[in-house]
Amino acid sequence: MKKSEKYSDHQNELARFAKAISNPARLAILEYLAETKTCISGDITDFLPLSRSTASQHLKELRDIGLIQGEIEGLKINYCICQAEIKRFLELLNNFFNPILSLDASCETAPKTKKTARLAKAAVVVKDEIAPEIDKSKDIFFF
């Protein structure tokens, strides 16, 4: 059994999406395609700091997940954003995070456990050993 089979289809799909957009070059490609408001053909490397082979790999990843579409037109490929897929992934993300947010289980609201309290106390001890409080009443200032 593969590790991915131990997780739900929803979790696996979100993980694939997150992996696809986890690279800043891919985000730049998506932003560029959105800004141009048209399908582009030709060399995207004229607009982004990527080599042709690197750009090609990133375009393939985005195309495989469905965030962009590419149509072959002669020797060129026209790339366009697939808004329907982007909306679908946004809905998946919202469906995943909204229940988590509604539980209000953040660090700010969660009760401190004994372990958390010990860790916080240890951090103060370490901080004091590294940078103990200075008695400023004995400081001499020169102006």
N, C-alpha and C. Protein backbone atom coordinates (compact mmCIF):
# COMPACT_ATOMS: atom_id res chain seq x y z
N MET A 1 0.84 -1.18 0.00
CA MET A 1 0.00 0.00 0.00
C MET A 1 0.88 1.24 0.00
N LYS A 2 0.59 2.17 -0.89
CA LYS A 2 1.32 3.43 -0.95
C LYS A 2 0.89 4.32 0.21
N LYS A 3 1.80 5.20 0.63
CA LYS A 3 1.47 6.12 1.72
C LYS A 3 0.28 7.00 1.35
N SER A 4 0.21 7.42 0.09
CA SER A 4 -0.87 8.31 -0.33
C SER A 4 -2.24 7.63 -0.22
N GLU A 5 -2.27 6.31 -0.27
CA GLU A 5 -3.53 5.58 -0.17
C GLU A 5 -4.09 5.62 1.26
N LYS A 6 -3.27 6.00 2.21
CA LYS A 6 -3.71 6.08 3.60
C LYS A 6 -4.47 7.38 3.88
N TYR A 7 -4.46 8.29 2.92
CA TYR A 7 -5.12 9.58 3.09
C TYR A 7 -6.31 9.68 2.16
N SER A 8 -7.21 10.60 2.46
CA SER A 8 -8.41 10.74 1.64
C SER A 8 -8.07 11.32 0.28
N ASP A 9 -8.98 11.13 -0.66
CA ASP A 9 -8.80 11.71 -2.00
C ASP A 9 -8.69 13.22 -1.90
N HIS A 10 -9.48 13.81 -1.02
CA HIS A 10 -9.48 15.26 -0.82
C HIS A 10 -8.10 15.73 -0.34
N GLN A 11 -7.52 15.03 0.63
CA GLN A 11 -6.19 15.39 1.14
C GLN A 11 -5.12 15.23 0.07
N ASN A 12 -5.19 14.16 -0.69
CA ASN A 12 -4.21 13.94 -1.76
C ASN A 12 -4.32 15.00 -2.84
N GLU A 13 -5.56 15.37 -3.18
CA GLU A 13 -5.74 16.39 -4.22
C GLU A 13 -5.22 17.74 -3.76
N LEU A 14 -5.48 18.11 -2.52
CA LEU A 14 -4.96 19.37 -1.98
C LEU A 14 -3.43 19.35 -1.93
N ALA A 15 -2.87 18.22 -1.59
CA ALA A 15 -1.40 18.11 -1.53
C ALA A 15 -0.80 18.27 -2.93
N ARG A 16 -1.42 17.68 -3.95
CA ARG A 16 -0.93 17.85 -5.33
C ARG A 16 -1.01 19.31 -5.75
N PHE A 17 -2.11 19.97 -5.41
CA PHE A 17 -2.28 21.38 -5.73
C PHE A 17 -1.22 22.22 -5.01
N ALA A 18 -1.04 21.97 -3.72
CA ALA A 18 -0.06 22.73 -2.94
C ALA A 18 1.35 22.54 -3.51
N LYS A 19 1.65 21.33 -3.92
CA LYS A 19 2.98 21.07 -4.52
C LYS A 19 3.14 21.84 -5.82
N ALA A 20 2.09 21.90 -6.61
CA ALA A 20 2.16 22.58 -7.90
C ALA A 20 2.39 24.07 -7.74
N ILE A 21 1.83 24.68 -6.70
CA ILE A 21 2.00 26.12 -6.54
C ILE A 21 3.09 26.48 -5.52
N SER A 22 3.83 25.48 -5.06
CA SER A 22 4.83 25.74 -4.02
C SER A 22 6.12 26.35 -4.56
N ASN A 23 6.21 26.51 -5.85
CA ASN A 23 7.43 27.07 -6.44
C ASN A 23 7.16 28.52 -6.87
N PRO A 24 8.02 29.45 -6.46
CA PRO A 24 7.78 30.86 -6.82
C PRO A 24 7.77 31.11 -8.33
N ALA A 25 8.50 30.32 -9.08
CA ALA A 25 8.49 30.49 -10.54
C ALA A 25 7.10 30.17 -11.10
N ARG A 26 6.46 29.15 -10.55
CA ARG A 26 5.12 28.80 -11.02
C ARG A 26 4.11 29.87 -10.64
N LEU A 27 4.28 30.44 -9.47
CA LEU A 27 3.41 31.55 -9.07
C LEU A 27 3.62 32.74 -10.00
N ALA A 28 4.87 33.00 -10.36
CA ALA A 28 5.16 34.11 -11.28
C ALA A 28 4.54 33.85 -12.65
N ILE A 29 4.57 32.62 -13.10
CA ILE A 29 3.95 32.27 -14.38
C ILE A 29 2.44 32.52 -14.32
N LEU A 30 1.80 32.06 -13.24
CA LEU A 30 0.36 32.27 -13.09
C LEU A 30 0.02 33.76 -13.05
N GLU A 31 0.82 34.53 -12.30
CA GLU A 31 0.57 35.98 -12.23
C GLU A 31 0.76 36.63 -13.58
N TYR A 32 1.79 36.21 -14.30
CA TYR A 32 2.04 36.78 -15.63
C TYR A 32 0.88 36.48 -16.57
N LEU A 33 0.42 35.24 -16.56
CA LEU A 33 -0.70 34.88 -17.43
C LEU A 33 -1.95 35.66 -17.05
N ALA A 34 -2.16 35.87 -15.76
CA ALA A 34 -3.33 36.63 -15.31
C ALA A 34 -3.22 38.10 -15.71
N GLU A 35 -2.02 38.66 -15.59
CA GLU A 35 -1.82 40.08 -15.93
C GLU A 35 -1.98 40.35 -17.41
N THR A 36 -1.55 39.42 -18.24
CA THR A 36 -1.63 39.64 -19.68
C THR A 36 -3.06 39.54 -20.18
N LYS A 37 -3.90 38.84 -19.43
CA LYS A 37 -5.33 38.67 -19.76
C LYS A 37 -5.54 38.05 -21.13
N THR A 38 -4.52 37.42 -21.65
CA THR A 38 -4.64 36.72 -22.92
C THR A 38 -3.85 35.43 -22.83
N CYS A 39 -4.03 34.61 -23.79
CA CYS A 39 -3.19 33.44 -23.90
C CYS A 39 -1.88 33.88 -24.53
N ILE A 40 -0.80 33.36 -24.04
CA ILE A 40 0.48 33.75 -24.62
C ILE A 40 1.02 32.60 -25.44
N SER A 41 1.70 32.95 -26.46
CA SER A 41 2.41 31.94 -27.23
C SER A 41 3.84 32.42 -27.36
N GLY A 42 4.71 31.50 -27.61
CA GLY A 42 6.11 31.88 -27.73
C GLY A 42 6.85 31.64 -26.44
N ASP A 43 7.88 32.41 -26.25
CA ASP A 43 8.81 32.16 -25.17
C ASP A 43 8.49 33.00 -23.95
N ILE A 44 8.01 32.37 -22.90
CA ILE A 44 7.69 33.06 -21.66
C ILE A 44 8.94 33.58 -20.98
N THR A 45 10.08 33.06 -21.36
CA THR A 45 11.35 33.49 -20.75
C THR A 45 11.72 34.91 -21.16
N ASP A 46 11.02 35.47 -22.14
CA ASP A 46 11.24 36.89 -22.47
C ASP A 46 10.73 37.78 -21.34
N PHE A 47 9.83 37.24 -20.52
CA PHE A 47 9.19 38.03 -19.49
C PHE A 47 9.55 37.61 -18.08
N LEU A 48 10.04 36.40 -17.91
CA LEU A 48 10.39 35.89 -16.58
C LEU A 48 11.84 35.41 -16.58
N PRO A 49 12.52 35.51 -15.42
CA PRO A 49 13.93 35.12 -15.36
C PRO A 49 14.12 33.61 -15.26
N LEU A 50 13.72 32.92 -16.32
CA LEU A 50 13.83 31.46 -16.36
C LEU A 50 14.47 31.04 -17.67
N SER A 51 15.20 29.95 -17.62
CA SER A 51 15.70 29.38 -18.88
C SER A 51 14.53 28.70 -19.56
N ARG A 52 14.67 28.42 -20.85
CA ARG A 52 13.58 27.79 -21.59
C ARG A 52 13.22 26.42 -21.03
N SER A 53 14.24 25.63 -20.70
CA SER A 53 13.96 24.29 -20.19
C SER A 53 13.27 24.35 -18.82
N THR A 54 13.71 25.28 -17.98
CA THR A 54 13.08 25.43 -16.66
C THR A 54 11.64 25.90 -16.81
N ALA A 55 11.41 26.88 -17.67
CA ALA A 55 10.06 27.38 -17.90
C ALA A 55 9.17 26.25 -18.43
N SER A 56 9.71 25.44 -19.31
CA SER A 56 8.96 24.33 -19.87
C SER A 56 8.54 23.34 -18.78
N GLN A 57 9.44 23.05 -17.85
CA GLN A 57 9.12 22.13 -16.75
C GLN A 57 8.02 22.71 -15.85
N HIS A 58 8.11 23.99 -15.55
CA HIS A 58 7.10 24.62 -14.71
C HIS A 58 5.75 24.69 -15.40
N LEU A 59 5.75 25.00 -16.68
CA LEU A 59 4.51 25.03 -17.44
C LEU A 59 3.86 23.64 -17.46
N LYS A 60 4.68 22.62 -17.59
CA LYS A 60 4.16 21.25 -17.58
C LYS A 60 3.49 20.92 -16.25
N GLU A 61 4.12 21.30 -15.14
CA GLU A 61 3.53 21.05 -13.81
C GLU A 61 2.19 21.76 -13.67
N LEU A 62 2.14 23.00 -14.09
CA LEU A 62 0.89 23.77 -14.00
C LEU A 62 -0.19 23.19 -14.92
N ARG A 63 0.23 22.73 -16.08
CA ARG A 63 -0.71 22.13 -17.03
C ARG A 63 -1.21 20.78 -16.49
N ASP A 64 -0.32 19.98 -15.91
CA ASP A 64 -0.70 18.66 -15.40
C ASP A 64 -1.74 18.76 -14.28
N ILE A 65 -1.64 19.79 -13.43
CA ILE A 65 -2.59 19.95 -12.34
C ILE A 65 -3.87 20.64 -12.83
N GLY A 66 -3.82 21.24 -14.02
CA GLY A 66 -5.01 21.83 -14.63
C GLY A 66 -5.15 23.32 -14.42
N LEU A 67 -4.15 23.98 -13.84
CA LEU A 67 -4.25 25.43 -13.61
C LEU A 67 -4.08 26.24 -14.88
N ILE A 68 -3.40 25.67 -15.86
CA ILE A 68 -3.28 26.31 -17.17
C ILE A 68 -3.60 25.28 -18.23
N GLN A 69 -3.94 25.79 -19.39
CA GLN A 69 -4.18 24.93 -20.54
C GLN A 69 -3.23 25.37 -21.63
N GLY A 70 -2.78 24.42 -22.41
CA GLY A 70 -1.91 24.73 -23.53
C GLY A 70 -2.44 24.11 -24.80
N GLU A 71 -2.61 24.94 -25.82
CA GLU A 71 -3.05 24.44 -27.12
C GLU A 71 -1.92 24.57 -28.11
N ILE A 72 -1.65 23.50 -28.81
CA ILE A 72 -0.59 23.53 -29.81
C ILE A 72 -1.13 24.21 -31.06
N GLU A 73 -0.37 25.19 -31.51
CA GLU A 73 -0.73 25.93 -32.72
C GLU A 73 0.53 26.03 -33.57
N GLY A 74 0.66 25.11 -34.49
CA GLY A 74 1.87 25.07 -35.30
C GLY A 74 3.05 24.63 -34.44
N LEU A 75 4.10 25.44 -34.42
CA LEU A 75 5.27 25.12 -33.61
C LEU A 75 5.21 25.74 -32.22
N LYS A 76 4.15 26.47 -31.94
CA LYS A 76 4.03 27.16 -30.65
C LYS A 76 2.89 26.57 -29.84
N ILE A 77 2.93 26.84 -28.55
CA ILE A 77 1.85 26.45 -27.65
C ILE A 77 1.29 27.72 -27.03
N ASN A 78 -0.02 27.88 -27.10
CA ASN A 78 -0.69 29.01 -26.46
C ASN A 78 -1.10 28.58 -25.05
N TYR A 79 -0.67 29.33 -24.05
CA TYR A 79 -1.00 29.01 -22.66
C TYR A 79 -2.01 30.00 -22.12
N CYS A 80 -3.02 29.47 -21.44
CA CYS A 80 -4.06 30.28 -20.83
C CYS A 80 -4.34 29.76 -19.42
N ILE A 81 -4.78 30.66 -18.57
CA ILE A 81 -5.21 30.26 -17.22
C ILE A 81 -6.54 29.55 -17.33
N CYS A 82 -6.70 28.51 -16.54
CA CYS A 82 -7.97 27.79 -16.49
C CYS A 82 -8.69 28.23 -15.22
N GLN A 83 -9.53 29.25 -15.36
CA GLN A 83 -10.21 29.83 -14.20
C GLN A 83 -11.11 28.83 -13.49
N ALA A 84 -11.72 27.94 -14.21
CA ALA A 84 -12.61 26.96 -13.58
C ALA A 84 -11.84 26.08 -12.59
N GLU A 85 -10.64 25.67 -12.97
CA GLU A 85 -9.83 24.84 -12.07
C GLU A 85 -9.34 25.65 -10.87
N ILE A 86 -8.97 26.90 -11.10
CA ILE A 86 -8.53 27.73 -9.99
C ILE A 86 -9.67 27.91 -8.99
N LYS A 87 -10.87 28.15 -9.49
CA LYS A 87 -12.03 28.28 -8.61
C LYS A 87 -12.30 26.99 -7.85
N ARG A 88 -12.13 25.86 -8.53
CA ARG A 88 -12.34 24.56 -7.89
C ARG A 88 -11.33 24.35 -6.76
N PHE A 89 -10.06 24.69 -7.00
CA PHE A 89 -9.05 24.52 -5.97
C PHE A 89 -9.28 25.48 -4.81
N LEU A 90 -9.73 26.70 -5.10
CA LEU A 90 -10.06 27.64 -4.02
C LEU A 90 -11.19 27.09 -3.15
N GLU A 91 -12.16 26.47 -3.79
CA GLU A 91 -13.27 25.87 -3.04
C GLU A 91 -12.77 24.71 -2.18
N LEU A 92 -11.87 23.89 -2.73
CA LEU A 92 -11.29 22.80 -1.95
C LEU A 92 -10.53 23.33 -0.73
N LEU A 93 -9.75 24.39 -0.95
CA LEU A 93 -9.01 24.99 0.16
C LEU A 93 -9.95 25.54 1.22
N ASN A 94 -10.99 26.25 0.79
CA ASN A 94 -11.97 26.78 1.74
C ASN A 94 -12.67 25.66 2.50
N ASN A 95 -13.05 24.61 1.78
CA ASN A 95 -13.70 23.48 2.44
C ASN A 95 -12.78 22.80 3.45
N PHE A 96 -11.50 22.87 3.20
CA PHE A 96 -10.54 22.28 4.13
C PHE A 96 -10.30 23.18 5.34
N PHE A 97 -10.04 24.48 5.09
CA PHE A 97 -9.63 25.37 6.17
C PHE A 97 -10.80 25.96 6.98
N ASN A 98 -11.96 26.15 6.40
CA ASN A 98 -13.07 26.75 7.15
C ASN A 98 -13.44 25.96 8.39
N PRO A 99 -13.57 24.63 8.32
CA PRO A 99 -13.87 23.89 9.56
C PRO A 99 -12.75 24.02 10.60
N ILE A 100 -11.53 24.07 10.16
CA ILE A 100 -10.40 24.22 11.09
C ILE A 100 -10.47 25.58 11.77
N LEU A 101 -10.74 26.62 10.99
CA LEU A 101 -10.85 27.95 11.57
C LEU A 101 -12.04 28.08 12.50
N SER A 102 -13.13 27.40 12.19
CA SER A 102 -14.32 27.51 13.02
C SER A 102 -14.14 26.83 14.37
N LEU A 103 -13.18 25.94 14.49
CA LEU A 103 -12.92 25.28 15.77
C LEU A 103 -12.18 26.18 16.74
N ASP A 104 -11.63 27.28 16.24
CA ASP A 104 -10.89 28.23 17.06
C ASP A 104 -9.84 27.53 17.89
N ALA A 105 -9.05 26.71 17.25
CA ALA A 105 -8.00 25.95 17.92
C ALA A 105 -6.63 26.56 17.63
N SER A 106 -6.55 27.87 17.74
CA SER A 106 -5.29 28.54 17.45
C SER A 106 -4.40 28.56 18.68
N CYS A 107 -3.17 28.90 18.49
CA CYS A 107 -2.22 29.00 19.59
C CYS A 107 -2.66 30.06 20.59
N GLU A 108 -3.32 31.10 20.10
CA GLU A 108 -3.74 32.19 20.99
C GLU A 108 -4.86 31.76 21.93
N THR A 109 -5.71 30.82 21.51
CA THR A 109 -6.87 30.45 22.32
C THR A 109 -6.72 29.09 22.99
N ALA A 110 -5.75 28.32 22.58
CA ALA A 110 -5.59 26.98 23.14
C ALA A 110 -5.06 27.05 24.57
N PRO A 111 -5.62 26.22 25.46
CA PRO A 111 -5.10 26.21 26.83
C PRO A 111 -3.68 25.66 26.84
N LYS A 112 -2.89 26.17 27.73
CA LYS A 112 -1.50 25.73 27.84
C LYS A 112 -1.45 24.38 28.54
N THR A 113 -0.74 23.45 27.96
CA THR A 113 -0.54 22.16 28.62
C THR A 113 0.68 22.26 29.51
N LYS A 114 0.88 21.27 30.34
CA LYS A 114 2.06 21.27 31.22
C LYS A 114 3.33 21.31 30.40
N LYS A 115 3.34 20.56 29.30
CA LYS A 115 4.53 20.52 28.44
C LYS A 115 4.78 21.90 27.83
N THR A 116 3.72 22.55 27.35
CA THR A 116 3.86 23.88 26.76
C THR A 116 4.38 24.86 27.80
N ALA A 117 3.84 24.78 29.03
CA ALA A 117 4.29 25.67 30.09
C ALA A 117 5.76 25.43 30.43
N ARG A 118 6.16 24.16 30.46
CA ARG A 118 7.58 23.83 30.73
C ARG A 118 8.48 24.39 29.63
N LEU A 119 8.05 24.25 28.39
CA LEU A 119 8.84 24.76 27.27
C LEU A 119 8.97 26.27 27.34
N ALA A 120 7.88 26.95 27.68
CA ALA A 120 7.92 28.41 27.79
C ALA A 120 8.85 28.83 28.92
N LYS A 121 8.79 28.13 30.04
CA LYS A 121 9.67 28.44 31.18
C LYS A 121 11.12 28.18 30.81
N ALA A 122 11.38 27.09 30.11
CA ALA A 122 12.74 26.77 29.68
C ALA A 122 13.27 27.84 28.73
N ALA A 123 12.41 28.35 27.87
CA ALA A 123 12.83 29.40 26.93
C ALA A 123 13.24 30.66 27.69
N VAL A 124 12.51 30.99 28.76
CA VAL A 124 12.86 32.17 29.56
C VAL A 124 14.19 31.95 30.25
N VAL A 125 14.40 30.75 30.81
CA VAL A 125 15.66 30.44 31.48
C VAL A 125 16.82 30.56 30.50
N VAL A 126 16.66 29.97 29.32
CA VAL A 126 17.72 30.05 28.31
C VAL A 126 17.97 31.50 27.92
N LYS A 127 16.90 32.26 27.72
CA LYS A 127 17.04 33.67 27.34
C LYS A 127 17.79 34.43 28.42
N ASP A 128 17.44 34.20 29.69
CA ASP A 128 18.10 34.91 30.79
C ASP A 128 19.57 34.53 30.90
N GLU A 129 19.89 33.28 30.57
CA GLU A 129 21.29 32.87 30.62
C GLU A 129 22.09 33.51 29.49
N ILE A 130 21.46 33.66 28.35
CA ILE A 130 22.15 34.26 27.21
C ILE A 130 22.21 35.77 27.35
N ALA A 131 21.10 36.38 27.75
CA ALA A 131 21.05 37.84 27.87
C ALA A 131 20.34 38.20 29.17
N PRO A 132 21.06 38.10 30.31
CA PRO A 132 20.42 38.40 31.58
C PRO A 132 19.99 39.86 31.64
N GLU A 133 18.99 40.12 32.48
CA GLU A 133 18.53 41.49 32.67
C GLU A 133 19.68 42.34 33.19
N ILE A 134 19.78 43.53 32.70
CA ILE A 134 20.84 44.46 33.11
C ILE A 134 20.26 45.44 34.10
N ASP A 135 20.97 45.65 35.21
CA ASP A 135 20.54 46.62 36.21
C ASP A 135 20.90 47.99 35.68
N LYS A 136 19.90 48.70 35.17
CA LYS A 136 20.14 49.99 34.53
C LYS A 136 20.33 51.13 35.53
N SER A 137 20.07 50.87 36.82
CA SER A 137 20.24 51.94 37.81
C SER A 137 21.70 52.31 38.02
N LYS A 138 22.60 51.42 37.61
CA LYS A 138 24.02 51.67 37.80
C LYS A 138 24.71 52.15 36.51
N ASP A 139 23.90 52.33 35.48
CA ASP A 139 24.49 52.76 34.20
C ASP A 139 24.94 54.22 34.29
N ILE A 140 26.03 54.50 33.65
CA ILE A 140 26.54 55.85 33.55
C ILE A 140 26.40 56.28 32.11
N PHE A 141 25.80 57.42 31.89
CA PHE A 141 25.60 57.90 30.53
C PHE A 141 26.48 59.11 30.29
N PHE A 142 27.10 59.16 29.16
CA PHE A 142 27.92 60.31 28.76
C PHE A 142 27.23 61.01 27.62
N PHE A 143 27.12 62.32 27.73
CA PHE A 143 26.48 63.11 26.68
C PHE A 143 27.46 64.04 26.06
